[in-house]
Amino acid sequence: YLSPLPIVEMQLSVDAGLRMLKITEPQ
């Protein structure tokens, strides 16, 4: 039941004020 925490990459977009959070699981 254990797994590494996801890596969170934050990218700020000017498109209509959207903030994108890309969650990637470690290799």
PDB file of all heavy atoms in Angstrom:
ATOM      1  N   TYR A   1       0.801  -1.224   0.000  1.00  0.00           N
ATOM      2  CA  TYR A   1       0.000   0.000   0.000  1.00  0.00           C
ATOM      3  C   TYR A   1       0.826   1.261   0.000  1.00  0.00           C
ATOM      4  O   TYR A   1       0.295   2.358  -0.002  1.00  0.00           O
ATOM      5  CB  TYR A   1      -0.921   0.001   1.233  1.00  0.00           C
ATOM      6  CG  TYR A   1      -1.752  -1.254   1.334  1.00  0.00           C
ATOM      7  CD1 TYR A   1      -1.399  -2.276   2.215  1.00  0.00           C
ATOM      8  CD2 TYR A   1      -2.852  -1.442   0.514  1.00  0.00           C
ATOM      9  CE1 TYR A   1      -2.153  -3.442   2.286  1.00  0.00           C
ATOM     10  CE2 TYR A   1      -3.620  -2.606   0.585  1.00  0.00           C
ATOM     11  CZ  TYR A   1      -3.263  -3.603   1.476  1.00  0.00           C
ATOM     12  OH  TYR A   1      -3.999  -4.727   1.536  1.00  0.00           O
ATOM     13  N   LEU A   2       2.147   1.096   0.070  1.00  0.00           N
ATOM     14  CA  LEU A   2       3.015   2.266   0.105  1.00  0.00           C
ATOM     15  C   LEU A   2       3.489   2.610  -1.287  1.00  0.00           C
ATOM     16  O   LEU A   2       3.738   1.743  -2.098  1.00  0.00           O
ATOM     17  CB  LEU A   2       4.227   2.003   1.007  1.00  0.00           C
ATOM     18  CG  LEU A   2       3.917   1.804   2.503  1.00  0.00           C
ATOM     19  CD1 LEU A   2       5.199   1.483   3.247  1.00  0.00           C
ATOM     20  CD2 LEU A   2       3.234   3.023   3.085  1.00  0.00           C
ATOM     21  N   SER A   3       3.627   3.877  -1.573  1.00  0.00           N
ATOM     22  CA  SER A   3       4.170   4.327  -2.865  1.00  0.00           C
ATOM     23  C   SER A   3       4.773   5.687  -2.674  1.00  0.00           C
ATOM     24  O   SER A   3       4.368   6.429  -1.791  1.00  0.00           O
ATOM     25  CB  SER A   3       3.064   4.383  -3.927  1.00  0.00           C
ATOM     26  OG  SER A   3       2.088   5.325  -3.559  1.00  0.00           O
ATOM     27  N   PRO A   4       5.766   6.026  -3.497  1.00  0.00           N
ATOM     28  CA  PRO A   4       6.376   7.352  -3.378  1.00  0.00           C
ATOM     29  C   PRO A   4       5.348   8.433  -3.644  1.00  0.00           C
ATOM     30  O   PRO A   4       4.391   8.240  -4.386  1.00  0.00           O
ATOM     31  CB  PRO A   4       7.455   7.332  -4.479  1.00  0.00           C
ATOM     32  CG  PRO A   4       7.673   5.889  -4.783  1.00  0.00           C
ATOM     33  CD  PRO A   4       6.376   5.208  -4.526  1.00  0.00           C
ATOM     34  N   LEU A   5       5.536   9.567  -3.041  1.00  0.00           N
ATOM     35  CA  LEU A   5       4.647  10.703  -3.283  1.00  0.00           C
ATOM     36  C   LEU A   5       4.823  11.206  -4.701  1.00  0.00           C
ATOM     37  O   LEU A   5       5.908  11.159  -5.247  1.00  0.00           O
ATOM     38  CB  LEU A   5       4.964  11.845  -2.303  1.00  0.00           C
ATOM     39  CG  LEU A   5       4.609  11.551  -0.835  1.00  0.00           C
ATOM     40  CD1 LEU A   5       5.085  12.691   0.024  1.00  0.00           C
ATOM     41  CD2 LEU A   5       3.121  11.331  -0.655  1.00  0.00           C
ATOM     42  N   PRO A   6       3.757  11.663  -5.331  1.00  0.00           N
ATOM     43  CA  PRO A   6       3.880  12.190  -6.689  1.00  0.00           C
ATOM     44  C   PRO A   6       4.690  13.464  -6.726  1.00  0.00           C
ATOM     45  O   PRO A   6       4.760  14.201  -5.749  1.00  0.00           O
ATOM     46  CB  PRO A   6       2.430  12.448  -7.105  1.00  0.00           C
ATOM     47  CG  PRO A   6       1.697  12.629  -5.809  1.00  0.00           C
ATOM     48  CD  PRO A   6       2.379  11.732  -4.836  1.00  0.00           C
ATOM     49  N   ILE A   7       5.321  13.676  -7.866  1.00  0.00           N
ATOM     50  CA  ILE A   7       6.091  14.897  -8.084  1.00  0.00           C
ATOM     51  C   ILE A   7       5.162  15.927  -8.694  1.00  0.00           C
ATOM     52  O   ILE A   7       4.500  15.663  -9.683  1.00  0.00           O
ATOM     53  CB  ILE A   7       7.271  14.634  -9.019  1.00  0.00           C
ATOM     54  CG1 ILE A   7       8.182  13.563  -8.404  1.00  0.00           C
ATOM     55  CG2 ILE A   7       8.062  15.913  -9.286  1.00  0.00           C
ATOM     56  CD1 ILE A   7       9.226  13.052  -9.373  1.00  0.00           C
ATOM     57  N   VAL A   8       5.078  17.087  -8.118  1.00  0.00           N
ATOM     58  CA  VAL A   8       4.157  18.113  -8.602  1.00  0.00           C
ATOM     59  C   VAL A   8       4.928  19.204  -9.322  1.00  0.00           C
ATOM     60  O   VAL A   8       5.852  19.791  -8.786  1.00  0.00           O
ATOM     61  CB  VAL A   8       3.361  18.730  -7.432  1.00  0.00           C
ATOM     62  CG1 VAL A   8       2.410  19.795  -7.959  1.00  0.00           C
ATOM     63  CG2 VAL A   8       2.584  17.650  -6.703  1.00  0.00           C
ATOM     64  N   GLU A   9       4.544  19.434 -10.587  1.00  0.00           N
ATOM     65  CA  GLU A   9       5.161  20.481 -11.376  1.00  0.00           C
ATOM     66  C   GLU A   9       4.123  21.575 -11.587  1.00  0.00           C
ATOM     67  O   GLU A   9       3.031  21.307 -12.079  1.00  0.00           O
ATOM     68  CB  GLU A   9       5.613  19.946 -12.726  1.00  0.00           C
ATOM     69  CG  GLU A   9       6.582  18.805 -12.612  1.00  0.00           C
ATOM     70  CD  GLU A   9       6.811  18.143 -13.954  1.00  0.00           C
ATOM     71  OE1 GLU A   9       6.296  18.660 -14.959  1.00  0.00           O
ATOM     72  OE2 GLU A   9       7.496  17.132 -13.978  1.00  0.00           O
ATOM     73  N   MET A  10       4.427  22.785 -11.229  1.00  0.00           N
ATOM     74  CA  MET A  10       3.460  23.871 -11.363  1.00  0.00           C
ATOM     75  C   MET A  10       3.839  24.751 -12.538  1.00  0.00           C
ATOM     76  O   MET A  10       4.983  25.115 -12.707  1.00  0.00           O
ATOM     77  CB  MET A  10       3.418  24.713 -10.090  1.00  0.00           C
ATOM     78  CG  MET A  10       2.435  25.886 -10.168  1.00  0.00           C
ATOM     79  SD  MET A  10       2.345  26.808  -8.631  1.00  0.00           S
ATOM     80  CE  MET A  10       1.523  25.634  -7.593  1.00  0.00           C
ATOM     81  N   GLN A  11       2.843  25.058 -13.374  1.00  0.00           N
ATOM     82  CA  GLN A  11       3.057  25.938 -14.517  1.00  0.00           C
ATOM     83  C   GLN A  11       1.949  26.967 -14.522  1.00  0.00           C
ATOM     84  O   GLN A  11       0.770  26.625 -14.481  1.00  0.00           O
ATOM     85  CB  GLN A  11       3.051  25.139 -15.812  1.00  0.00           C
ATOM     86  CG  GLN A  11       4.204  24.162 -15.885  1.00  0.00           C
ATOM     87  CD  GLN A  11       4.038  23.191 -17.025  1.00  0.00           C
ATOM     88  OE1 GLN A  11       2.931  22.888 -17.416  1.00  0.00           O
ATOM     89  NE2 GLN A  11       5.135  22.704 -17.551  1.00  0.00           N
ATOM     90  N   LEU A  12       2.306  28.215 -14.584  1.00  0.00           N
ATOM     91  CA  LEU A  12       1.321  29.293 -14.588  1.00  0.00           C
ATOM     92  C   LEU A  12       1.021  29.683 -16.012  1.00  0.00           C
ATOM     93  O   LEU A  12       1.905  29.978 -16.795  1.00  0.00           O
ATOM     94  CB  LEU A  12       1.870  30.508 -13.833  1.00  0.00           C
ATOM     95  CG  LEU A  12       0.923  31.718 -13.760  1.00  0.00           C
ATOM     96  CD1 LEU A  12      -0.356  31.323 -13.026  1.00  0.00           C
ATOM     97  CD2 LEU A  12       1.610  32.864 -13.049  1.00  0.00           C
ATOM     98  N   SER A  13      -0.248  29.672 -16.364  1.00  0.00           N
ATOM     99  CA  SER A  13      -0.672  29.988 -17.713  1.00  0.00           C
ATOM    100  C   SER A  13      -1.483  31.257 -17.715  1.00  0.00           C
ATOM    101  O   SER A  13      -2.323  31.475 -16.855  1.00  0.00           O
ATOM    102  CB  SER A  13      -1.509  28.850 -18.287  1.00  0.00           C
ATOM    103  OG  SER A  13      -2.228  29.297 -19.399  1.00  0.00           O
ATOM    104  N   VAL A  14      -1.251  32.092 -18.721  1.00  0.00           N
ATOM    105  CA  VAL A  14      -2.026  33.315 -18.865  1.00  0.00           C
ATOM    106  C   VAL A  14      -3.354  33.023 -19.543  1.00  0.00           C
ATOM    107  O   VAL A  14      -4.252  33.835 -19.551  1.00  0.00           O
ATOM    108  CB  VAL A  14      -1.225  34.351 -19.676  1.00  0.00           C
ATOM    109  CG1 VAL A  14      -1.989  35.645 -19.810  1.00  0.00           C
ATOM    110  CG2 VAL A  14       0.108  34.613 -19.006  1.00  0.00           C
ATOM    111  N   ASP A  15      -3.507  31.824 -20.112  1.00  0.00           N
ATOM    112  CA  ASP A  15      -4.712  31.492 -20.863  1.00  0.00           C
ATOM    113  C   ASP A  15      -5.912  31.406 -19.936  1.00  0.00           C
ATOM    114  O   ASP A  15      -6.126  30.439 -19.244  1.00  0.00           O
ATOM    115  CB  ASP A  15      -4.504  30.161 -21.582  1.00  0.00           C
ATOM    116  CG  ASP A  15      -5.736  29.734 -22.348  1.00  0.00           C
ATOM    117  OD1 ASP A  15      -6.512  30.624 -22.713  1.00  0.00           O
ATOM    118  OD2 ASP A  15      -5.889  28.534 -22.574  1.00  0.00           O
ATOM    119  N   ALA A  16      -6.752  32.449 -19.936  1.00  0.00           N
ATOM    120  CA  ALA A  16      -7.994  32.500 -19.177  1.00  0.00           C
ATOM    121  C   ALA A  16      -7.768  32.281 -17.687  1.00  0.00           C
ATOM    122  O   ALA A  16      -8.654  31.861 -16.962  1.00  0.00           O
ATOM    123  CB  ALA A  16      -8.989  31.482 -19.707  1.00  0.00           C
ATOM    124  N   GLY A  17      -6.576  32.623 -17.194  1.00  0.00           N
ATOM    125  CA  GLY A  17      -6.319  32.552 -15.770  1.00  0.00           C
ATOM    126  C   GLY A  17      -6.286  31.152 -15.208  1.00  0.00           C
ATOM    127  O   GLY A  17      -6.686  30.920 -14.081  1.00  0.00           O
ATOM    128  N   LEU A  18      -5.830  30.174 -15.965  1.00  0.00           N
ATOM    129  CA  LEU A  18      -5.811  28.799 -15.494  1.00  0.00           C
ATOM    130  C   LEU A  18      -4.447  28.466 -14.905  1.00  0.00           C
ATOM    131  O   LEU A  18      -3.426  28.779 -15.483  1.00  0.00           O
ATOM    132  CB  LEU A  18      -6.104  27.826 -16.649  1.00  0.00           C
ATOM    133  CG  LEU A  18      -7.454  28.006 -17.336  1.00  0.00           C
ATOM    134  CD1 LEU A  18      -7.586  26.976 -18.448  1.00  0.00           C
ATOM    135  CD2 LEU A  18      -8.582  27.837 -16.352  1.00  0.00           C
ATOM    136  N   ARG A  19      -4.454  27.801 -13.756  1.00  0.00           N
ATOM    137  CA  ARG A  19      -3.206  27.313 -13.168  1.00  0.00           C
ATOM    138  C   ARG A  19      -3.167  25.813 -13.347  1.00  0.00           C
ATOM    139  O   ARG A  19      -4.087  25.108 -12.951  1.00  0.00           O
ATOM    140  CB  ARG A  19      -3.126  27.685 -11.690  1.00  0.00           C
ATOM    141  CG  ARG A  19      -1.768  27.404 -11.068  1.00  0.00           C
ATOM    142  CD  ARG A  19      -1.770  27.779  -9.608  1.00  0.00           C
ATOM    143  NE  ARG A  19      -2.044  29.174  -9.404  1.00  0.00           N
ATOM    144  CZ  ARG A  19      -1.131  30.122  -9.394  1.00  0.00           C
ATOM    145  NH1 ARG A  19       0.121  29.812  -9.589  1.00  0.00           N
ATOM    146  NH2 ARG A  19      -1.456  31.372  -9.181  1.00  0.00           N
ATOM    147  N   MET A  20      -2.105  25.310 -13.994  1.00  0.00           N
ATOM    148  CA  MET A  20      -2.025  23.888 -14.308  1.00  0.00           C
ATOM    149  C   MET A  20      -1.084  23.206 -13.318  1.00  0.00           C
ATOM    150  O   MET A  20       0.039  23.658 -13.117  1.00  0.00           O
ATOM    151  CB  MET A  20      -1.487  23.680 -15.730  1.00  0.00           C
ATOM    152  CG  MET A  20      -2.197  24.463 -16.799  1.00  0.00           C
ATOM    153  SD  MET A  20      -3.678  23.668 -17.375  1.00  0.00           S
ATOM    154  CE  MET A  20      -2.977  22.201 -18.100  1.00  0.00           C
ATOM    155  N   LEU A  21      -1.521  22.129 -12.711  1.00  0.00           N
ATOM    156  CA  LEU A  21      -0.670  21.307 -11.863  1.00  0.00           C
ATOM    157  C   LEU A  21      -0.525  19.944 -12.520  1.00  0.00           C
ATOM    158  O   LEU A  21      -1.496  19.205 -12.651  1.00  0.00           O
ATOM    159  CB  LEU A  21      -1.284  21.127 -10.471  1.00  0.00           C
ATOM    160  CG  LEU A  21      -1.449  22.398  -9.632  1.00  0.00           C
ATOM    161  CD1 LEU A  21      -2.088  22.030  -8.316  1.00  0.00           C
ATOM    162  CD2 LEU A  21      -0.125  23.071  -9.402  1.00  0.00           C
ATOM    163  N   LYS A  22       0.658  19.618 -12.967  1.00  0.00           N
ATOM    164  CA  LYS A  22       0.888  18.318 -13.611  1.00  0.00           C
ATOM    165  C   LYS A  22       1.455  17.369 -12.562  1.00  0.00           C
ATOM    166  O   LYS A  22       2.516  17.609 -12.007  1.00  0.00           O
ATOM    167  CB  LYS A  22       1.861  18.455 -14.775  1.00  0.00           C
ATOM    168  CG  LYS A  22       2.147  17.119 -15.451  1.00  0.00           C
ATOM    169  CD  LYS A  22       3.109  17.304 -16.601  1.00  0.00           C
ATOM    170  CE  LYS A  22       3.425  15.979 -17.258  1.00  0.00           C
ATOM    171  NZ  LYS A  22       4.400  16.116 -18.331  1.00  0.00           N
ATOM    172  N   ILE A  23       0.738  16.274 -12.296  1.00  0.00           N
ATOM    173  CA  ILE A  23       1.158  15.314 -11.284  1.00  0.00           C
ATOM    174  C   ILE A  23       1.758  14.105 -11.980  1.00  0.00           C
ATOM    175  O   ILE A  23       1.098  13.440 -12.764  1.00  0.00           O
ATOM    176  CB  ILE A  23      -0.026  14.906 -10.403  1.00  0.00           C
ATOM    177  CG1 ILE A  23      -0.587  16.151  -9.699  1.00  0.00           C
ATOM    178  CG2 ILE A  23       0.393  13.852  -9.401  1.00  0.00           C
ATOM    179  CD1 ILE A  23      -1.715  15.843  -8.759  1.00  0.00           C
ATOM    180  N   THR A  24       3.013  13.843 -11.707  1.00  0.00           N
ATOM    181  CA  THR A  24       3.741  12.763 -12.379  1.00  0.00           C
ATOM    182  C   THR A  24       4.196  11.746 -11.352  1.00  0.00           C
ATOM    183  O   THR A  24       4.812  12.111 -10.354  1.00  0.00           O
ATOM    184  CB  THR A  24       4.962  13.326 -13.116  1.00  0.00           C
ATOM    185  OG1 THR A  24       4.535  14.392 -13.952  1.00  0.00           O
ATOM    186  CG2 THR A  24       5.630  12.234 -13.932  1.00  0.00           C
ATOM    187  N   GLU A  25       3.926  10.487 -11.588  1.00  0.00           N
ATOM    188  CA  GLU A  25       4.375   9.455 -10.684  1.00  0.00           C
ATOM    189  C   GLU A  25       5.837   9.135 -10.955  1.00  0.00           C
ATOM    190  O   GLU A  25       6.261   9.090 -12.108  1.00  0.00           O
ATOM    191  CB  GLU A  25       3.522   8.190 -10.838  1.00  0.00           C
ATOM    192  CG  GLU A  25       2.057   8.449 -10.564  1.00  0.00           C
ATOM    193  CD  GLU A  25       1.373   7.211 -10.026  1.00  0.00           C
ATOM    194  OE1 GLU A  25       2.054   6.192  -9.840  1.00  0.00           O
ATOM    195  OE2 GLU A  25       0.186   7.287  -9.793  1.00  0.00           O
ATOM    196  N   PRO A  26       6.636   8.914  -9.907  1.00  0.00           N
ATOM    197  CA  PRO A  26       8.062   8.618 -10.088  1.00  0.00           C
ATOM    198  C   PRO A  26       8.274   7.365 -10.914  1.00  0.00           C
ATOM    199  O   PRO A  26       7.439   6.470 -10.952  1.00  0.00           O
ATOM    200  CB  PRO A  26       8.558   8.432  -8.638  1.00  0.00           C
ATOM    201  CG  PRO A  26       7.544   9.140  -7.793  1.00  0.00           C
ATOM    202  CD  PRO A  26       6.242   8.997  -8.503  1.00  0.00           C
ATOM    203  N   GLN A  27       9.440   7.290 -11.572  1.00  0.00           N
ATOM    204  CA  GLN A  27       9.772   6.170 -12.449  1.00  0.00           C
ATOM    205  C   GLN A  27       9.764   4.847 -11.704  1.00  0.00           C
ATOM    206  O   GLN A  27       9.356   3.828 -12.229  1.00  0.00           O
ATOM    207  CB  GLN A  27      11.144   6.425 -13.086  1.00  0.00           C
ATOM    208  CG  GLN A  27      11.521   5.413 -14.143  1.00  0.00           C
ATOM    209  CD  GLN A  27      10.659   5.557 -15.367  1.00  0.00           C
ATOM    210  OE1 GLN A  27      10.138   6.621 -15.623  1.00  0.00           O
ATOM    211  NE2 GLN A  27      10.481   4.469 -16.102  1.00  0.00           N
TER     212      GLN A  27
END
